[in-house]
Protein backbone atom coordinates (compact mmCIF):
# COMPACT_ATOMS: atom_id res chain seq x y z
CA MET A 1 1.92 -7.02 6.28
CA ASN A 2 -2.15 -7.24 5.67
CA LYS A 3 -4.30 -9.71 6.79
CA LEU A 4 -6.17 -11.27 4.03
CA PRO A 5 -8.24 -13.71 4.46
CA ALA A 6 -8.45 -17.09 2.05
CA LYS A 7 -12.26 -16.74 1.30
CA MET A 8 -12.82 -14.46 -1.26
CA ASN A 9 -14.12 -13.97 -3.98
CA ALA A 10 -14.36 -11.07 -7.02
CA THR A 11 -17.95 -10.24 -7.64
CA GLY A 12 -19.76 -7.14 -7.68
CA HIS A 13 -22.38 -6.64 -6.50
CA ALA A 14 -23.83 -4.03 -4.44
CA VAL A 15 -22.39 -1.45 -5.87
CA ALA A 16 -24.92 0.44 -6.57
CA SER A 17 -25.82 0.75 -2.64
CA ALA A 18 -22.55 1.49 -1.84
CA ALA A 19 -22.53 4.65 -5.16
CA LYS A 20 -25.97 5.56 -3.53
CA ARG A 21 -24.94 6.26 0.23
CA THR A 22 -21.94 7.78 -0.45
CA GLY A 23 -23.67 10.32 -3.45
CA PRO A 24 -22.90 10.47 -7.10
CA ALA A 25 -18.76 11.49 -6.73
CA TYR A 26 -18.36 8.62 -5.56
CA SER A 27 -19.78 6.48 -8.22
CA ALA A 28 -16.12 6.05 -10.26
CA LEU A 29 -14.89 4.83 -7.47
CA SER A 30 -17.45 2.39 -6.49
CA GLU A 31 -16.90 1.03 -10.05
CA ALA A 32 -13.16 1.00 -10.13
CA PHE A 33 -13.78 -1.35 -7.01
CA ALA A 34 -16.05 -3.23 -8.31
CA LEU A 35 -13.70 -4.03 -11.52
CA THR A 36 -10.45 -4.19 -9.21
CA GLY A 37 -11.37 -5.44 -5.57
CA ALA A 38 -12.39 -8.60 -4.12
CA VAL A 39 -15.38 -9.11 -1.36
CA MET A 40 -14.16 -10.67 1.67
CA SER A 41 -15.84 -11.83 5.16
CA PHE A 42 -14.64 -11.12 8.37
CA GLU A 43 -16.15 -11.70 11.56
CA ARG A 44 -17.13 -9.98 14.89
CA ASN A 45 -13.88 -8.40 16.17
CA ALA A 46 -12.01 -9.38 13.23
CA GLU A 47 -8.85 -7.30 12.32
CA ILE A 48 -8.53 -5.75 8.87
CA PHE A 49 -5.47 -3.70 9.31
CA GLY A 50 -3.19 -2.82 12.40
CA GLU A 51 -1.76 0.48 12.87
CA GLY A 52 1.48 1.23 11.33
CA GLU A 53 1.00 -1.75 8.80
CA GLU A 54 1.65 -0.91 5.43
CA ALA A 55 -1.04 0.67 3.71
CA GLU A 56 -1.65 -1.98 0.73
CA TYR A 57 -5.27 -1.52 0.04
CA PHE A 58 -8.28 1.09 -0.10
CA TYR A 59 -11.62 -0.81 1.81
CA GLN A 60 -15.39 0.22 0.49
CA VAL A 61 -17.71 -1.97 3.61
CA VAL A 62 -19.83 -3.69 1.40
CA ASN A 63 -22.56 -4.46 4.34
CA GLY A 64 -21.48 -5.01 8.01
CA ALA A 65 -19.83 -1.93 9.82
CA VAL A 66 -15.82 -1.13 10.68
CA ARG A 67 -14.03 1.13 13.94
CA THR A 68 -10.81 2.36 13.64
CA TYR A 69 -9.38 2.98 16.64
CA LYS A 70 -5.58 4.15 18.60
CA VAL A 71 -4.61 2.16 21.80
CA LEU A 72 -3.05 4.59 24.45
CA GLU A 73 0.57 4.49 26.32
CA ASP A 74 -2.81 4.09 29.22
CA GLY A 75 -4.52 1.09 27.95
CA ARG A 76 -7.34 3.14 26.77
CA ARG A 77 -9.63 2.80 23.14
CA GLN A 78 -9.80 5.73 21.28
CA ILE A 79 -12.53 4.67 18.52
CA GLY A 80 -11.75 7.12 15.37
CA ALA A 81 -14.43 6.73 12.93
CA PHE A 82 -17.46 4.09 12.34
CA TYR A 83 -17.54 2.86 8.80
CA LEU A 84 -21.21 1.93 7.46
CA PRO A 85 -22.17 0.00 3.74
CA GLY A 86 -20.89 2.34 1.23
CA ASP A 87 -18.06 4.46 3.12
CA VAL A 88 -14.67 3.69 2.20
CA PHE A 89 -12.05 3.83 4.22
CA GLY A 90 -7.72 3.08 4.73
CA LEU A 91 -6.87 6.25 2.65
CA GLU A 92 -3.81 7.03 4.01
CA ALA A 93 -1.39 9.83 3.29
CA GLY A 94 1.49 8.11 4.33
CA ASP A 95 2.82 4.66 3.63
CA ALA A 96 1.45 3.15 6.77
CA HIS A 97 -2.01 3.05 8.79
CA ALA A 98 -2.47 4.97 11.35
CA PHE A 99 -4.97 3.51 13.07
CA SER A 100 -5.79 0.38 13.11
CA ALA A 101 -9.58 -1.58 11.84
CA GLU A 102 -11.66 -3.76 13.16
CA ALA A 103 -15.17 -5.30 11.98
CA ILE A 104 -18.02 -4.17 14.84
CA GLY A 105 -19.85 -6.94 13.34
CA ARG A 106 -19.83 -10.26 10.88
CA SER A 107 -19.35 -7.53 7.92
CA SER A 108 -17.86 -7.81 4.46
CA VAL A 109 -15.50 -5.66 2.99
CA ARG A 110 -14.42 -4.89 -0.76
CA VAL A 111 -10.65 -4.68 -0.59
CA ALA A 112 -8.90 -3.16 -3.90
CA LYS A 113 -4.87 -2.90 -4.55
CA ARG A 114 -3.93 0.86 -3.49
CA SER A 115 -1.32 0.89 -6.54
CA VAL A 116 -3.98 -0.02 -9.16
CA ILE A 117 -6.42 2.57 -8.27
CA LEU A 118 -3.92 5.54 -7.81
CA SER A 119 -2.65 4.06 -11.26
CA MET A 120 -6.44 4.23 -12.74
CA ALA A 121 -7.04 7.61 -11.26
CA ALA A 122 -4.35 8.60 -12.79
CA ARG A 123 -5.38 7.92 -15.94
CA ASP A 124 -9.28 8.86 -14.92
CA GLY A 125 -9.97 12.40 -13.69
CA GLU A 126 -13.87 11.45 -12.63
CA LEU A 127 -11.81 8.53 -10.45
CA GLY A 128 -9.32 10.92 -9.49
CA GLN A 129 -11.84 13.20 -8.48
CA ALA A 130 -13.77 10.81 -6.66
CA LEU A 131 -11.23 9.62 -4.93
CA TRP A 132 -9.76 13.09 -3.34
CA THR A 133 -13.01 13.47 -2.84
CA ALA A 134 -13.41 10.74 -0.23
CA ALA A 135 -9.62 11.50 1.42
CA ALA A 136 -10.72 15.30 2.09
CA GLY A 137 -14.61 14.44 3.44
CA GLY A 138 -12.28 11.77 6.33
CA MET A 139 -9.68 14.24 6.48
CA ARG A 140 -12.99 17.09 7.69
CA ALA A 141 -14.57 14.31 9.61
CA ALA A 142 -11.32 13.97 11.36
CA GLN A 143 -11.30 17.16 12.42
CA GLU A 144 -15.40 17.77 13.35
CA HIS A 145 -14.51 15.21 15.62
CA MET A 146 -11.80 16.59 16.78
CA LEU A 147 -14.05 19.57 18.23
CA VAL A 148 -16.27 17.62 19.49
CA LEU A 149 -14.10 15.93 21.81
CA GLY A 150 -12.46 19.13 22.66
CA ARG A 151 -15.19 21.57 22.79
CA LYS A 152 -18.89 19.75 23.88
CA ASN A 153 -20.31 18.13 26.55
CA ALA A 154 -21.59 15.17 27.02
CA GLU A 155 -25.43 15.35 25.72
CA GLU A 156 -23.89 17.32 22.43
CA ARG A 157 -21.42 14.83 21.80
CA VAL A 158 -24.18 12.49 21.88
CA ALA A 159 -26.72 14.06 20.01
CA THR A 160 -23.90 15.18 17.54
CA PHE A 161 -22.94 11.95 17.33
CA LEU A 162 -26.79 10.49 16.77
CA LEU A 163 -27.42 12.95 14.29
CA ASP A 164 -24.60 11.86 11.86
CA ILE A 165 -25.74 8.45 12.03
CA LEU A 166 -29.31 9.70 10.96
CA ARG A 167 -27.79 11.38 8.28
CA ARG A 168 -25.78 8.54 6.54
CA GLU A 169 -29.29 6.07 7.10
CA ASP A 170 -30.85 8.22 5.10
CA ASN A 171 -32.74 10.54 7.65
CA ARG A 172 -34.92 7.33 8.96
CA GLU A 173 -36.46 7.91 12.00
CA VAL A 174 -35.51 4.53 13.86
CA ILE A 175 -31.93 3.71 13.76
CA GLU A 176 -30.21 0.56 14.49
CA LEU A 177 -26.69 1.08 15.71
CA PRO A 178 -24.15 -1.63 14.57
CA MET A 179 -21.84 -0.48 17.76
CA SER A 180 -21.82 -1.12 21.47
CA ARG A 181 -22.25 1.39 24.01
CA GLN A 182 -18.69 0.67 24.68
CA ASP A 183 -17.84 1.19 21.26
CA ILE A 184 -19.73 5.32 21.06
CA ALA A 185 -18.23 5.62 24.92
CA ASP A 186 -14.61 5.58 23.14
CA TYR A 187 -15.60 7.37 20.54
CA LEU A 188 -16.88 10.22 22.52
CA GLY A 189 -14.37 9.81 24.78
CA LEU A 190 -17.08 9.17 27.76
CA THR A 191 -17.49 6.32 29.82
CA ILE A 192 -20.18 4.07 28.88
CA GLU A 193 -22.05 4.54 32.41
CA THR A 194 -22.50 8.59 30.65
CA ILE A 195 -23.50 7.20 27.60
CA SER A 196 -26.09 5.30 28.89
CA ARG A 197 -27.07 8.10 31.24
CA THR A 198 -27.14 10.51 28.67
CA MET A 199 -29.64 8.32 26.58
CA THR A 200 -31.61 8.12 29.07
CA LEU A 201 -32.21 12.28 29.83
CA LEU A 202 -32.47 12.40 26.22
CA GLU A 203 -35.37 10.10 26.23
CA SER A 204 -36.92 12.01 29.55
CA GLU A 205 -36.53 14.91 27.29
CA ALA A 206 -38.40 13.33 24.72
CA ALA A 207 -35.81 13.77 21.96
CA ILE A 208 -35.34 9.94 21.16
CA GLU A 209 -37.51 6.56 22.03
CA LEU A 210 -34.81 3.31 23.60
CA PRO A 211 -37.23 0.50 21.95
CA SER A 212 -33.87 -1.59 22.83
CA ALA A 213 -29.93 -0.74 23.18
CA ARG A 214 -29.35 -0.96 19.44
CA ARG A 215 -32.77 0.49 18.37
CA VAL A 216 -33.01 4.63 18.63
CA VAL A 217 -36.10 6.15 17.52
CA VAL A 218 -35.48 9.55 16.93
CA ARG A 219 -38.65 11.87 18.11
CA SER A 220 -37.26 15.15 18.13
CA PRO A 221 -35.02 16.17 15.03
CA GLY A 222 -34.59 19.36 16.33
CA ARG A 223 -34.11 19.24 20.06
CA LEU A 224 -31.20 17.18 18.76
CA GLN A 225 -30.22 19.68 16.23
CA ARG A 226 -30.43 22.94 18.74
CA LEU A 227 -27.97 20.47 21.01
CA ASN A 228 -25.54 20.28 18.19
CA ALA A 229 -25.46 24.35 17.45
């Protein structure tokens, strides 16, 4: 059963920014979350839902960040995706969650009953289209992630990751990473030592600057794009 913290409120703030972050196609979905959902707070590393649990709810990040992951048979963790403010997650094809989800840091997540959203979507073509777009986008991101893991070397993987975060942060030059380097390593299928060496290499090539472990200044998007080609 999904874990639902006791402290909940049904306010609908931050809807406009969420819709803007994910594009016009998501505005109907954001409005549906605001109308039917509740905002819940999660502390750092708190579980939002577990792998194999019934997929009763859809989720949208209000602030903070969320990771989804699997623990492999050998005990290693594979992170499947990162979700930033405005992103929708938990759109499962089946009735159970394929991954677990955790708050990376203290985060707020809007939670809406899956059956209610699906019922609304059946009556509202715009909402149905937005829901389909969100699900298709998640599937496309998963496919691209598999290609990154299967076809790219360490420098290419890190460049692809930074470009993705840059795009999702509205192409600002300075990226504030909510996730740790261990998170990035588990997402890219690398060791934390390889992530650190690769970041230092990109800095030496003047592609990025690293004022701190969590702050990345992108100096040459073109260099990252060439590695991502």
